[in-house]
Amino acid sequence: DQKSGAKFIVPSPPKVGALRTTNQIQANRT
């Protein structure tokens, strides 16, 4: 957060893992 400088991480629940995409990359995909 630019106003306060507070830092927020990516949650990583035990059964699901990090809530972000880390599989194979393809162009023109979101």
Full PDB file with SEQRES, HELIX, SHEET, SSBOND, CRYST1, ORIGX, SCALE, CONECT and MASTER records, all heavy atoms in Angstrom:
SEQRES   1 A   30  ASP GLN LYS SER GLY ALA LYS PHE ILE VAL PRO SER PRO          
SEQRES   2 A   30  PRO LYS VAL GLY ALA LEU ARG THR THR ASN GLN ILE GLN          
SEQRES   3 A   30  ALA ASN ARG THR                                              
CRYST1    1.000    1.000    1.000  90.00  90.00  90.00 P 1           1          
ORIGX1      1.000000  0.000000  0.000000        0.00000                         
ORIGX2      0.000000  1.000000  0.000000        0.00000                         
ORIGX3      0.000000  0.000000  1.000000        0.00000                         
SCALE1      1.000000  0.000000  0.000000        0.00000                         
SCALE2      0.000000  1.000000  0.000000        0.00000                         
SCALE3      0.000000  0.000000  1.000000        0.00000                         
ATOM      1  N   ASP A   1       0.875  -1.168   0.000  1.00  0.00           N  
ATOM      2  CA  ASP A   1       0.000   0.000   0.000  1.00  0.00           C  
ATOM      3  C   ASP A   1       0.915   1.222   0.000  1.00  0.00           C  
ATOM      4  O   ASP A   1       1.722   1.394   0.912  1.00  0.00           O  
ATOM      5  CB  ASP A   1      -0.904   0.006   1.236  1.00  0.00           C  
ATOM      6  CG  ASP A   1      -1.794   1.236   1.292  1.00  0.00           C  
ATOM      7  OD1 ASP A   1      -2.452   1.543   0.278  1.00  0.00           O  
ATOM      8  OD2 ASP A   1      -1.812   1.898   2.352  1.00  0.00           O  
ATOM      9  N   GLN A   2       0.815   2.078  -1.020  1.00  0.00           N  
ATOM     10  CA  GLN A   2       1.757   3.178  -1.159  1.00  0.00           C  
ATOM     11  C   GLN A   2       1.596   4.244  -0.083  1.00  0.00           C  
ATOM     12  O   GLN A   2       2.563   4.900   0.283  1.00  0.00           O  
ATOM     13  CB  GLN A   2       1.634   3.802  -2.548  1.00  0.00           C  
ATOM     14  CG  GLN A   2       2.134   2.866  -3.622  1.00  0.00           C  
ATOM     15  CD  GLN A   2       2.057   3.451  -5.015  1.00  0.00           C  
ATOM     16  OE1 GLN A   2       1.433   4.476  -5.255  1.00  0.00           O  
ATOM     17  NE2 GLN A   2       2.696   2.783  -5.957  1.00  0.00           N  
ATOM     18  N   LYS A   3       0.404   4.401   0.450  1.00  0.00           N  
ATOM     19  CA  LYS A   3       0.180   5.434   1.468  1.00  0.00           C  
ATOM     20  C   LYS A   3       0.797   5.047   2.807  1.00  0.00           C  
ATOM     21  O   LYS A   3       1.468   5.848   3.440  1.00  0.00           O  
ATOM     22  CB  LYS A   3      -1.321   5.683   1.632  1.00  0.00           C  
ATOM     23  CG  LYS A   3      -1.654   6.849   2.521  1.00  0.00           C  
ATOM     24  CD  LYS A   3      -3.145   7.114   2.540  1.00  0.00           C  
ATOM     25  CE  LYS A   3      -3.476   8.305   3.404  1.00  0.00           C  
ATOM     26  NZ  LYS A   3      -4.921   8.537   3.445  1.00  0.00           N  
ATOM     27  N   SER A   4       0.597   3.812   3.243  1.00  0.00           N  
ATOM     28  CA  SER A   4       1.061   3.395   4.569  1.00  0.00           C  
ATOM     29  C   SER A   4       2.366   2.608   4.545  1.00  0.00           C  
ATOM     30  O   SER A   4       3.047   2.517   5.549  1.00  0.00           O  
ATOM     31  CB  SER A   4      -0.005   2.540   5.246  1.00  0.00           C  
ATOM     32  OG  SER A   4      -0.119   1.301   4.568  1.00  0.00           O  
ATOM     33  N   GLY A   5       2.687   2.000   3.401  1.00  0.00           N  
ATOM     34  CA  GLY A   5       3.864   1.142   3.328  1.00  0.00           C  
ATOM     35  C   GLY A   5       3.595  -0.277   3.790  1.00  0.00           C  
ATOM     36  O   GLY A   5       4.503  -1.098   3.841  1.00  0.00           O  
ATOM     37  N   ALA A   6       2.342  -0.592   4.134  1.00  0.00           N  
ATOM     38  CA  ALA A   6       1.991  -1.941   4.589  1.00  0.00           C  
ATOM     39  C   ALA A   6       2.177  -2.936   3.442  1.00  0.00           C  
ATOM     40  O   ALA A   6       1.891  -2.640   2.288  1.00  0.00           O  
ATOM     41  CB  ALA A   6       0.556  -1.977   5.090  1.00  0.00           C  
ATOM     42  N   LYS A   7       2.650  -4.113   3.794  1.00  0.00           N  
ATOM     43  CA  LYS A   7       2.973  -5.151   2.818  1.00  0.00           C  
ATOM     44  C   LYS A   7       2.005  -6.320   2.987  1.00  0.00           C  
ATOM     45  O   LYS A   7       1.754  -6.762   4.101  1.00  0.00           O  
ATOM     46  CB  LYS A   7       4.412  -5.592   3.079  1.00  0.00           C  
ATOM     47  CG  LYS A   7       4.950  -6.648   2.187  1.00  0.00           C  
ATOM     48  CD  LYS A   7       6.409  -6.877   2.553  1.00  0.00           C  
ATOM     49  CE  LYS A   7       6.910  -8.190   2.072  1.00  0.00           C  
ATOM     50  NZ  LYS A   7       8.308  -8.419   2.449  1.00  0.00           N  
ATOM     51  N   PHE A   8       1.478  -6.830   1.868  1.00  0.00           N  
ATOM     52  CA  PHE A   8       0.504  -7.912   1.882  1.00  0.00           C  
ATOM     53  C   PHE A   8       1.016  -9.056   1.021  1.00  0.00           C  
ATOM     54  O   PHE A   8       1.471  -8.850  -0.094  1.00  0.00           O  
ATOM     55  CB  PHE A   8      -0.847  -7.414   1.362  1.00  0.00           C  
ATOM     56  CG  PHE A   8      -1.392  -6.272   2.171  1.00  0.00           C  
ATOM     57  CD1 PHE A   8      -1.044  -4.966   1.876  1.00  0.00           C  
ATOM     58  CD2 PHE A   8      -2.219  -6.506   3.245  1.00  0.00           C  
ATOM     59  CE1 PHE A   8      -1.523  -3.906   2.630  1.00  0.00           C  
ATOM     60  CE2 PHE A   8      -2.706  -5.464   4.010  1.00  0.00           C  
ATOM     61  CZ  PHE A   8      -2.353  -4.159   3.701  1.00  0.00           C  
ATOM     62  N   ILE A   9       0.903 -10.285   1.545  1.00  0.00           N  
ATOM     63  CA  ILE A   9       1.450 -11.449   0.863  1.00  0.00           C  
ATOM     64  C   ILE A   9       0.374 -12.257   0.151  1.00  0.00           C  
ATOM     65  O   ILE A   9      -0.817 -11.995   0.304  1.00  0.00           O  
ATOM     66  CB  ILE A   9       2.209 -12.357   1.860  1.00  0.00           C  
ATOM     67  CG1 ILE A   9       1.250 -12.916   2.911  1.00  0.00           C  
ATOM     68  CG2 ILE A   9       3.364 -11.621   2.499  1.00  0.00           C  
ATOM     69  CD1 ILE A   9       1.843 -14.031   3.750  1.00  0.00           C  
ATOM     70  N   VAL A  10       0.830 -13.259  -0.583  1.00  0.00           N  
ATOM     71  CA  VAL A  10      -0.061 -14.215  -1.240  1.00  0.00           C  
ATOM     72  C   VAL A  10      -0.352 -15.330  -0.242  1.00  0.00           C  
ATOM     73  O   VAL A  10       0.576 -15.984   0.235  1.00  0.00           O  
ATOM     74  CB  VAL A  10       0.591 -14.801  -2.507  1.00  0.00           C  
ATOM     75  CG1 VAL A  10      -0.296 -15.859  -3.137  1.00  0.00           C  
ATOM     76  CG2 VAL A  10       0.911 -13.709  -3.500  1.00  0.00           C  
ATOM     77  N   PRO A  11      -1.633 -15.548   0.111  1.00  0.00           N  
ATOM     78  CA  PRO A  11      -1.944 -16.643   1.035  1.00  0.00           C  
ATOM     79  C   PRO A  11      -1.579 -17.985   0.418  1.00  0.00           C  
ATOM     80  O   PRO A  11      -1.614 -18.158  -0.797  1.00  0.00           O  
ATOM     81  CB  PRO A  11      -3.450 -16.545   1.238  1.00  0.00           C  
ATOM     82  CG  PRO A  11      -3.878 -15.276   0.622  1.00  0.00           C  
ATOM     83  CD  PRO A  11      -2.805 -14.819  -0.305  1.00  0.00           C  
ATOM     84  N   SER A  12      -1.240 -18.937   1.279  1.00  0.00           N  
ATOM     85  CA  SER A  12      -0.877 -20.270   0.820  1.00  0.00           C  
ATOM     86  C   SER A  12      -1.545 -21.322   1.707  1.00  0.00           C  
ATOM     87  O   SER A  12      -0.906 -21.912   2.574  1.00  0.00           O  
ATOM     88  CB  SER A  12       0.642 -20.428   0.841  1.00  0.00           C  
ATOM     89  OG  SER A  12       1.008 -21.632   0.254  1.00  0.00           O  
ATOM     90  N   PRO A  13      -2.848 -21.584   1.476  1.00  0.00           N  
ATOM     91  CA  PRO A  13      -3.534 -22.598   2.279  1.00  0.00           C  
ATOM     92  C   PRO A  13      -2.885 -23.974   2.074  1.00  0.00           C  
ATOM     93  O   PRO A  13      -2.426 -24.287   0.977  1.00  0.00           O  
ATOM     94  CB  PRO A  13      -4.963 -22.600   1.728  1.00  0.00           C  
ATOM     95  CG  PRO A  13      -5.102 -21.323   0.980  1.00  0.00           C  
ATOM     96  CD  PRO A  13      -3.734 -20.949   0.512  1.00  0.00           C  
ATOM     97  N   PRO A  14      -2.852 -24.803   3.124  1.00  0.00           N  
ATOM     98  CA  PRO A  14      -2.156 -26.090   3.057  1.00  0.00           C  
ATOM     99  C   PRO A  14      -2.606 -27.015   1.920  1.00  0.00           C  
ATOM    100  O   PRO A  14      -1.783 -27.593   1.244  1.00  0.00           O  
ATOM    101  CB  PRO A  14      -2.439 -26.740   4.404  1.00  0.00           C  
ATOM    102  CG  PRO A  14      -2.914 -25.667   5.293  1.00  0.00           C  
ATOM    103  CD  PRO A  14      -3.446 -24.566   4.434  1.00  0.00           C  
ATOM    104  N   LYS A  15      -3.893 -27.137   1.697  1.00  0.00           N  
ATOM    105  CA  LYS A  15      -4.367 -28.088   0.680  1.00  0.00           C  
ATOM    106  C   LYS A  15      -4.336 -27.515  -0.727  1.00  0.00           C  
ATOM    107  O   LYS A  15      -4.238 -28.254  -1.692  1.00  0.00           O  
ATOM    108  CB  LYS A  15      -5.790 -28.546   1.013  1.00  0.00           C  
ATOM    109  CG  LYS A  15      -5.838 -29.448   2.218  1.00  0.00           C  
ATOM    110  CD  LYS A  15      -7.205 -30.009   2.426  1.00  0.00           C  
ATOM    111  CE  LYS A  15      -7.221 -30.924   3.636  1.00  0.00           C  
ATOM    112  NZ  LYS A  15      -8.493 -31.574   3.827  1.00  0.00           N  
ATOM    113  N   VAL A  16      -4.422 -26.203  -0.861  1.00  0.00           N  
ATOM    114  CA  VAL A  16      -4.506 -25.567  -2.179  1.00  0.00           C  
ATOM    115  C   VAL A  16      -3.155 -25.065  -2.656  1.00  0.00           C  
ATOM    116  O   VAL A  16      -2.827 -25.136  -3.828  1.00  0.00           O  
ATOM    117  CB  VAL A  16      -5.521 -24.391  -2.140  1.00  0.00           C  
ATOM    118  CG1 VAL A  16      -5.607 -23.701  -3.477  1.00  0.00           C  
ATOM    119  CG2 VAL A  16      -6.876 -24.875  -1.692  1.00  0.00           C  
ATOM    120  N   GLY A  17      -2.352 -24.528  -1.755  1.00  0.00           N  
ATOM    121  CA  GLY A  17      -1.072 -23.923  -2.118  1.00  0.00           C  
ATOM    122  C   GLY A  17      -1.246 -22.444  -2.380  1.00  0.00           C  
ATOM    123  O   GLY A  17      -2.312 -21.874  -2.141  1.00  0.00           O  
ATOM    124  N   ALA A  18      -0.202 -21.811  -2.862  1.00  0.00           N  
ATOM    125  CA  ALA A  18      -0.211 -20.365  -3.108  1.00  0.00           C  
ATOM    126  C   ALA A  18      -1.322 -19.995  -4.088  1.00  0.00           C  
ATOM    127  O   ALA A  18      -1.521 -20.684  -5.096  1.00  0.00           O  
ATOM    128  CB  ALA A  18       1.133 -19.909  -3.635  1.00  0.00           C  
ATOM    129  N   LEU A  19      -2.020 -18.917  -3.790  1.00  0.00           N  
ATOM    130  CA  LEU A  19      -3.132 -18.470  -4.633  1.00  0.00           C  
ATOM    131  C   LEU A  19      -2.608 -17.608  -5.778  1.00  0.00           C  
ATOM    132  O   LEU A  19      -2.850 -16.414  -5.866  1.00  0.00           O  
ATOM    133  CB  LEU A  19      -4.163 -17.707  -3.797  1.00  0.00           C  
ATOM    134  CG  LEU A  19      -4.809 -18.509  -2.676  1.00  0.00           C  
ATOM    135  CD1 LEU A  19      -5.800 -17.640  -1.909  1.00  0.00           C  
ATOM    136  CD2 LEU A  19      -5.507 -19.737  -3.224  1.00  0.00           C  
ATOM    137  N   ARG A  20      -1.871 -18.272  -6.663  1.00  0.00           N  
ATOM    138  CA  ARG A  20      -1.332 -17.626  -7.856  1.00  0.00           C  
ATOM    139  C   ARG A  20      -1.075 -18.676  -8.915  1.00  0.00           C  
ATOM    140  O   ARG A  20      -0.958 -19.867  -8.610  1.00  0.00           O  
ATOM    141  CB  ARG A  20      -0.042 -16.876  -7.532  1.00  0.00           C  
ATOM    142  CG  ARG A  20       1.093 -17.803  -7.124  1.00  0.00           C  
ATOM    143  CD  ARG A  20       2.353 -17.077  -6.784  1.00  0.00           C  
ATOM    144  NE  ARG A  20       3.123 -16.791  -7.977  1.00  0.00           N  
ATOM    145  CZ  ARG A  20       4.433 -16.794  -8.014  1.00  0.00           C  
ATOM    146  NH1 ARG A  20       5.139 -17.030  -6.938  1.00  0.00           N  
ATOM    147  NH2 ARG A  20       5.072 -16.532  -9.125  1.00  0.00           N  
ATOM    148  N   THR A  21      -0.981 -18.253 -10.143  1.00  0.00           N  
ATOM    149  CA  THR A  21      -0.723 -19.169 -11.244  1.00  0.00           C  
ATOM    150  C   THR A  21       0.773 -19.423 -11.358  1.00  0.00           C  
ATOM    151  O   THR A  21       1.549 -18.483 -11.430  1.00  0.00           O  
ATOM    152  CB  THR A  21      -1.245 -18.580 -12.570  1.00  0.00           C  
ATOM    153  OG1 THR A  21      -2.577 -18.152 -12.397  1.00  0.00           O  
ATOM    154  CG2 THR A  21      -1.186 -19.593 -13.676  1.00  0.00           C  
ATOM    155  N   THR A  22       1.164 -20.705 -11.383  1.00  0.00           N  
ATOM    156  CA  THR A  22       2.579 -21.048 -11.561  1.00  0.00           C  
ATOM    157  C   THR A  22       2.759 -22.173 -12.574  1.00  0.00           C  
ATOM    158  O   THR A  22       3.851 -22.719 -12.687  1.00  0.00           O  
ATOM    159  CB  THR A  22       3.220 -21.468 -10.220  1.00  0.00           C  
ATOM    160  OG1 THR A  22       2.455 -22.512  -9.645  1.00  0.00           O  
ATOM    161  CG2 THR A  22       3.341 -20.304  -9.267  1.00  0.00           C  
ATOM    162  N   ASN A  23       1.702 -22.525 -13.289  1.00  0.00           N  
ATOM    163  CA  ASN A  23       1.828 -23.607 -14.270  1.00  0.00           C  
ATOM    164  C   ASN A  23       2.377 -23.063 -15.589  1.00  0.00           C  
ATOM    165  O   ASN A  23       2.816 -21.933 -15.660  1.00  0.00           O  
ATOM    166  CB  ASN A  23       0.495 -24.337 -14.465  1.00  0.00           C  
ATOM    167  CG  ASN A  23      -0.655 -23.397 -14.697  1.00  0.00           C  
ATOM    168  OD1 ASN A  23      -0.514 -22.193 -14.592  1.00  0.00           O  
ATOM    169  ND2 ASN A  23      -1.808 -23.930 -15.009  1.00  0.00           N  
ATOM    170  N   GLN A  24       2.321 -23.846 -16.635  1.00  0.00           N  
ATOM    171  CA  GLN A  24       2.905 -23.467 -17.921  1.00  0.00           C  
ATOM    172  C   GLN A  24       2.345 -22.160 -18.458  1.00  0.00           C  
ATOM    173  O   GLN A  24       1.148 -21.895 -18.372  1.00  0.00           O  
ATOM    174  CB  GLN A  24       2.687 -24.567 -18.943  1.00  0.00           C  
ATOM    175  CG  GLN A  24       3.624 -25.730 -18.744  1.00  0.00           C  
ATOM    176  CD  GLN A  24       3.697 -26.568 -19.990  1.00  0.00           C  
ATOM    177  OE1 GLN A  24       2.693 -26.800 -20.641  1.00  0.00           O  
ATOM    178  NE2 GLN A  24       4.887 -27.020 -20.321  1.00  0.00           N  
ATOM    179  N   ILE A  25       3.230 -21.378 -19.041  1.00  0.00           N  
ATOM    180  CA  ILE A  25       2.877 -20.048 -19.541  1.00  0.00           C  
ATOM    181  C   ILE A  25       2.540 -20.132 -21.018  1.00  0.00           C  
ATOM    182  O   ILE A  25       3.230 -20.805 -21.788  1.00  0.00           O  
ATOM    183  CB  ILE A  25       4.075 -19.098 -19.389  1.00  0.00           C  
ATOM    184  CG1 ILE A  25       4.668 -19.228 -17.995  1.00  0.00           C  
ATOM    185  CG2 ILE A  25       3.707 -17.682 -19.685  1.00  0.00           C  
ATOM    186  CD1 ILE A  25       6.124 -18.894 -17.966  1.00  0.00           C  
ATOM    187  N   GLN A  26       1.480 -19.431 -21.396  1.00  0.00           N  
ATOM    188  CA  GLN A  26       1.109 -19.328 -22.799  1.00  0.00           C  
ATOM    189  C   GLN A  26       0.832 -17.874 -23.116  1.00  0.00           C  
ATOM    190  O   GLN A  26       0.229 -17.156 -22.310  1.00  0.00           O  
ATOM    191  CB  GLN A  26      -0.135 -20.165 -23.083  1.00  0.00           C  
ATOM    192  CG  GLN A  26       0.091 -21.648 -22.923  1.00  0.00           C  
ATOM    193  CD  GLN A  26      -1.167 -22.441 -23.230  1.00  0.00           C  
ATOM    194  OE1 GLN A  26      -2.186 -21.901 -23.624  1.00  0.00           O  
ATOM    195  NE2 GLN A  26      -1.098 -23.747 -23.032  1.00  0.00           N  
ATOM    196  N   ALA A  27       1.266 -17.446 -24.282  1.00  0.00           N  
ATOM    197  CA  ALA A  27       1.020 -16.064 -24.716  1.00  0.00           C  
ATOM    198  C   ALA A  27      -0.475 -15.842 -24.931  1.00  0.00           C  
ATOM    199  O   ALA A  27      -1.224 -16.782 -25.222  1.00  0.00           O  
ATOM    200  CB  ALA A  27       1.785 -15.780 -26.000  1.00  0.00           C  
ATOM    201  N   ASN A  28      -0.902 -14.610 -24.759  1.00  0.00           N  
ATOM    202  CA  ASN A  28      -2.297 -14.178 -24.936  1.00  0.00           C  
ATOM    203  C   ASN A  28      -3.261 -14.841 -23.962  1.00  0.00           C  
ATOM    204  O   ASN A  28      -4.428 -15.044 -24.280  1.00  0.00           O  
ATOM    205  CB  ASN A  28      -2.758 -14.379 -26.378  1.00  0.00           C  
ATOM    206  CG  ASN A  28      -1.953 -13.538 -27.333  1.00  0.00           C  
ATOM    207  OD1 ASN A  28      -1.684 -12.370 -27.056  1.00  0.00           O  
ATOM    208  ND2 ASN A  28      -1.532 -14.116 -28.435  1.00  0.00           N  
ATOM    209  N   ARG A  29      -2.774 -15.180 -22.778  1.00  0.00           N  
ATOM    210  CA  ARG A  29      -3.616 -15.716 -21.710  1.00  0.00           C  
ATOM    211  C   ARG A  29      -3.522 -14.797 -20.505  1.00  0.00           C  
ATOM    212  O   ARG A  29      -2.478 -14.229 -20.240  1.00  0.00           O  
ATOM    213  CB  ARG A  29      -3.164 -17.109 -21.290  1.00  0.00           C  
ATOM    214  CG  ARG A  29      -3.632 -18.167 -22.248  1.00  0.00           C  
ATOM    215  CD  ARG A  29      -3.924 -19.385 -21.458  1.00  0.00           C  
ATOM    216  NE  ARG A  29      -4.771 -20.262 -22.247  1.00  0.00           N  
ATOM    217  CZ  ARG A  29      -4.945 -21.508 -21.973  1.00  0.00           C  
ATOM    218  NH1 ARG A  29      -4.338 -22.039 -20.947  1.00  0.00           N  
ATOM    219  NH2 ARG A  29      -5.736 -22.241 -22.703  1.00  0.00           N  
ATOM    220  N   THR A  30      -4.613 -14.712 -19.759  1.00  0.00           N  
ATOM    221  CA  THR A  30      -4.638 -13.901 -18.548  1.00  0.00           C  
ATOM    222  C   THR A  30      -4.377 -14.787 -17.341  1.00  0.00           C  
ATOM    223  O   THR A  30      -4.946 -15.865 -17.217  1.00  0.00           O  
ATOM    224  CB  THR A  30      -6.004 -13.194 -18.410  1.00  0.00           C  
ATOM    225  OG1 THR A  30      -6.199 -12.365 -19.560  1.00  0.00           O  
ATOM    226  CG2 THR A  30      -6.047 -12.330 -17.163  1.00  0.00           C  
TER     227      THR A  30                                                      
MASTER        0    0    0    0    0    0    0    6  226    1    0    3          
END                                                                             
